[in-house]
Amino acid sequence: MGTKPRFKGQPPVDAYGDGGFRLADQRFEGSIVVTPLGLYPWMPKSVEEITPASLAPVIEAAAHFDFLIIGSGENTLRLSADAKRRLESHAIFPDVMATGPACRTYNMMLSENRRIAAAFIAVA
């Protein structure tokens, strides 16, 4: 994969909103992907912009997690059929929900030492 993580490890989400996220006392502007391999910037600004190609950091880490949560922005919206097929072709069956509940669910699962990954679309 061409994108290097911004940092290694998998911290909880301390805060979200205002167009970004705070994790491990660092502010990250825009959408992010957090996997056991690290935290990556993510291009989609809406669920409609999630393409099979944009899911590369998730696919690369697939062997390292059992659950994927996708924060779809302000509202719970469905993934495109192409994006869903791309994930399912790698035996990844995501839970899609609004970004706020997605952050809370991710933090809860992380605190339970579950093997989790997340892709969060930033919200205002």
C-alpha atoms as a PDB file:
ATOM      1  CA  MET A   1       0.000   0.000   0.000  1.00  0.00           C
ATOM      2  CA  GLY A   2       1.279   3.462  -0.828  1.00  0.00           C
ATOM      3  CA  THR A   3      -0.115   5.288   2.209  1.00  0.00           C
ATOM      4  CA  LYS A   4       1.843   5.178   5.452  1.00  0.00           C
ATOM      5  CA  PRO A   5      -0.038   5.436   8.737  1.00  0.00           C
ATOM      6  CA  ARG A   6       0.116   8.750  10.567  1.00  0.00           C
ATOM      7  CA  PHE A   7       1.094   6.742  13.615  1.00  0.00           C
ATOM      8  CA  LYS A   8       1.123   3.102  14.661  1.00  0.00           C
ATOM      9  CA  GLY A   9      -1.213   1.614  17.193  1.00  0.00           C
ATOM     10  CA  GLN A  10      -4.899   1.910  17.720  1.00  0.00           C
ATOM     11  CA  PRO A  11      -6.001   4.556  20.199  1.00  0.00           C
ATOM     12  CA  PRO A  12      -9.606   5.322  21.146  1.00  0.00           C
ATOM     13  CA  VAL A  13     -11.374   8.328  19.673  1.00  0.00           C
ATOM     14  CA  ASP A  14     -11.148  11.129  22.247  1.00  0.00           C
ATOM     15  CA  ALA A  15     -13.372  13.535  20.297  1.00  0.00           C
ATOM     16  CA  TYR A  16     -14.984  14.001  16.907  1.00  0.00           C
ATOM     17  CA  GLY A  17     -16.599  16.888  15.079  1.00  0.00           C
ATOM     18  CA  ASP A  18     -15.548  20.227  13.646  1.00  0.00           C
ATOM     19  CA  GLY A  19     -14.354  18.411  10.518  1.00  0.00           C
ATOM     20  CA  GLY A  20     -12.006  15.953  12.204  1.00  0.00           C
ATOM     21  CA  PHE A  21     -11.067  13.730  15.137  1.00  0.00           C
ATOM     22  CA  ARG A  22      -8.824  13.712  18.197  1.00  0.00           C
ATOM     23  CA  LEU A  23      -6.959  10.519  19.071  1.00  0.00           C
ATOM     24  CA  ALA A  24      -3.953  10.113  21.383  1.00  0.00           C
ATOM     25  CA  ASP A  25      -3.929  13.871  22.067  1.00  0.00           C
ATOM     26  CA  GLN A  26      -3.526  14.619  18.350  1.00  0.00           C
ATOM     27  CA  ARG A  27      -6.003  16.371  16.059  1.00  0.00           C
ATOM     28  CA  PHE A  28      -6.635  14.833  12.635  1.00  0.00           C
ATOM     29  CA  GLU A  29      -8.467  16.885  10.022  1.00  0.00           C
ATOM     30  CA  GLY A  30     -10.889  15.096   7.725  1.00  0.00           C
ATOM     31  CA  SER A  31     -11.968  11.483   7.561  1.00  0.00           C
ATOM     32  CA  ILE A  32      -9.784   8.668   8.931  1.00  0.00           C
ATOM     33  CA  VAL A  33      -9.316   4.902   8.926  1.00  0.00           C
ATOM     34  CA  VAL A  34      -8.089   3.267  12.147  1.00  0.00           C
ATOM     35  CA  THR A  35      -6.890  -0.347  12.002  1.00  0.00           C
ATOM     36  CA  PRO A  36      -4.570  -2.459  14.133  1.00  0.00           C
ATOM     37  CA  LEU A  37      -1.851  -1.418  11.636  1.00  0.00           C
ATOM     38  CA  GLY A  38      -2.294   2.299  12.303  1.00  0.00           C
ATOM     39  CA  LEU A  39      -4.278   5.446  11.562  1.00  0.00           C
ATOM     40  CA  TYR A  40      -4.597   6.669   7.981  1.00  0.00           C
ATOM     41  CA  PRO A  41      -6.081   9.770   6.369  1.00  0.00           C
ATOM     42  CA  TRP A  42      -9.155   8.866   4.321  1.00  0.00           C
ATOM     43  CA  MET A  43     -10.390  10.824   1.320  1.00  0.00           C
ATOM     44  CA  PRO A  44     -14.199  10.300   1.429  1.00  0.00           C
ATOM     45  CA  LYS A  45     -16.173  13.263   2.750  1.00  0.00           C
ATOM     46  CA  SER A  46     -19.503  11.440   2.357  1.00  0.00           C
ATOM     47  CA  VAL A  47     -20.655   7.838   2.164  1.00  0.00           C
ATOM     48  CA  GLU A  48     -21.281   8.363  -1.570  1.00  0.00           C
ATOM     49  CA  GLU A  49     -17.529   8.951  -2.008  1.00  0.00           C
ATOM     50  CA  ILE A  50     -16.579   5.564  -0.513  1.00  0.00           C
ATOM     51  CA  THR A  51     -15.249   3.608  -3.481  1.00  0.00           C
ATOM     52  CA  PRO A  52     -13.724   0.145  -3.673  1.00  0.00           C
ATOM     53  CA  ALA A  53     -10.300   1.832  -4.111  1.00  0.00           C
ATOM     54  CA  SER A  54     -10.775   4.032  -1.024  1.00  0.00           C
ATOM     55  CA  LEU A  55     -11.131   0.880   1.082  1.00  0.00           C
ATOM     56  CA  ALA A  56      -7.506  -0.208   0.449  1.00  0.00           C
ATOM     57  CA  PRO A  57      -6.259   0.476   4.041  1.00  0.00           C
ATOM     58  CA  VAL A  58      -9.130  -1.614   5.409  1.00  0.00           C
ATOM     59  CA  ILE A  59      -8.523  -4.474   2.956  1.00  0.00           C
ATOM     60  CA  GLU A  60      -4.795  -4.495   3.716  1.00  0.00           C
ATOM     61  CA  ALA A  61      -5.478  -4.884   7.454  1.00  0.00           C
ATOM     62  CA  ALA A  62      -8.248  -7.492   7.041  1.00  0.00           C
ATOM     63  CA  ALA A  63      -6.257 -10.295   8.670  1.00  0.00           C
ATOM     64  CA  HIS A  64      -5.830  -8.167  11.806  1.00  0.00           C
ATOM     65  CA  PHE A  65      -9.460  -7.444  12.731  1.00  0.00           C
ATOM     66  CA  ASP A  66     -12.775  -9.250  13.113  1.00  0.00           C
ATOM     67  CA  PHE A  67     -15.162  -6.270  13.057  1.00  0.00           C
ATOM     68  CA  LEU A  68     -15.358  -3.197  10.834  1.00  0.00           C
ATOM     69  CA  ILE A  69     -17.390  -0.148  11.761  1.00  0.00           C
ATOM     70  CA  ILE A  70     -18.021   2.555   9.189  1.00  0.00           C
ATOM     71  CA  GLY A  71     -19.087   5.988  10.393  1.00  0.00           C
ATOM     72  CA  SER A  72     -21.183   7.342   7.520  1.00  0.00           C
ATOM     73  CA  GLY A  73     -21.312  11.001   8.562  1.00  0.00           C
ATOM     74  CA  GLU A  74     -24.231  12.820  10.205  1.00  0.00           C
ATOM     75  CA  ASN A  75     -26.714  10.064   9.303  1.00  0.00           C
ATOM     76  CA  THR A  76     -26.694   6.321   8.819  1.00  0.00           C
ATOM     77  CA  LEU A  77     -26.429   5.756   5.085  1.00  0.00           C
ATOM     78  CA  ARG A  78     -25.803   2.634   3.016  1.00  0.00           C
ATOM     79  CA  LEU A  79     -22.568   1.844   1.235  1.00  0.00           C
ATOM     80  CA  SER A  80     -22.668   1.645  -2.540  1.00  0.00           C
ATOM     81  CA  ALA A  81     -23.132  -1.850  -3.937  1.00  0.00           C
ATOM     82  CA  ASP A  82     -19.577  -1.738  -5.375  1.00  0.00           C
ATOM     83  CA  ALA A  83     -18.001  -0.779  -2.032  1.00  0.00           C
ATOM     84  CA  LYS A  84     -20.027  -3.409  -0.190  1.00  0.00           C
ATOM     85  CA  ARG A  85     -19.059  -6.099  -2.725  1.00  0.00           C
ATOM     86  CA  ARG A  86     -15.371  -5.148  -2.404  1.00  0.00           C
ATOM     87  CA  LEU A  87     -15.481  -5.644   1.367  1.00  0.00           C
ATOM     88  CA  GLU A  88     -17.548  -8.812   1.203  1.00  0.00           C
ATOM     89  CA  SER A  89     -15.112 -10.304  -1.341  1.00  0.00           C
ATOM     90  CA  HIS A  90     -12.579 -10.191   1.525  1.00  0.00           C
ATOM     91  CA  ALA A  91     -15.065 -11.634   4.043  1.00  0.00           C
ATOM     92  CA  ILE A  92     -15.548  -8.205   5.668  1.00  0.00           C
ATOM     93  CA  PHE A  93     -19.136  -7.437   6.634  1.00  0.00           C
ATOM     94  CA  PRO A  94     -19.218  -3.868   7.974  1.00  0.00           C
ATOM     95  CA  ASP A  95     -21.585  -2.284  10.452  1.00  0.00           C
ATOM     96  CA  VAL A  96     -22.511   1.121   9.049  1.00  0.00           C
ATOM     97  CA  MET A  97     -23.876   3.829  11.337  1.00  0.00           C
ATOM     98  CA  ALA A  98     -23.653   7.594  11.799  1.00  0.00           C
ATOM     99  CA  THR A  99     -20.162   8.744  12.804  1.00  0.00           C
ATOM    100  CA  GLY A 100     -21.058   9.639  16.427  1.00  0.00           C
ATOM    101  CA  PRO A 101     -22.451   6.203  17.326  1.00  0.00           C
ATOM    102  CA  ALA A 102     -19.670   4.599  15.270  1.00  0.00           C
ATOM    103  CA  CYS A 103     -16.995   6.331  17.392  1.00  0.00           C
ATOM    104  CA  ARG A 104     -18.710   5.256  20.612  1.00  0.00           C
ATOM    105  CA  THR A 105     -19.106   1.649  19.405  1.00  0.00           C
ATOM    106  CA  TYR A 106     -15.476   1.545  18.255  1.00  0.00           C
ATOM    107  CA  ASN A 107     -14.280   2.821  21.656  1.00  0.00           C
ATOM    108  CA  MET A 108     -16.437   0.300  23.521  1.00  0.00           C
ATOM    109  CA  MET A 109     -15.209  -2.624  21.417  1.00  0.00           C
ATOM    110  CA  LEU A 110     -11.605  -1.436  21.710  1.00  0.00           C
ATOM    111  CA  SER A 111     -11.983  -1.288  25.518  1.00  0.00           C
ATOM    112  CA  GLU A 112     -13.183  -4.911  25.416  1.00  0.00           C
ATOM    113  CA  ASN A 113      -9.990  -5.879  23.523  1.00  0.00           C
ATOM    114  CA  ARG A 114     -11.994  -6.829  20.436  1.00  0.00           C
ATOM    115  CA  ARG A 115     -10.188  -6.956  17.103  1.00  0.00           C
ATOM    116  CA  ILE A 116     -11.780  -3.887  15.538  1.00  0.00           C
ATOM    117  CA  ALA A 117     -11.147  -1.495  12.654  1.00  0.00           C
ATOM    118  CA  ALA A 118     -13.054   1.624  11.719  1.00  0.00           C
ATOM    119  CA  ALA A 119     -13.470   4.072   8.873  1.00  0.00           C
ATOM    120  CA  PHE A 120     -14.951   7.382   9.994  1.00  0.00           C
ATOM    121  CA  ILE A 121     -16.296  10.162   7.790  1.00  0.00           C
ATOM    122  CA  ALA A 122     -15.674  13.503   9.497  1.00  0.00           C
ATOM    123  CA  VAL A 123     -18.678  15.549  10.652  1.00  0.00           C
ATOM    124  CA  ALA A 124     -19.085  19.279  11.266  1.00  0.00           C
END
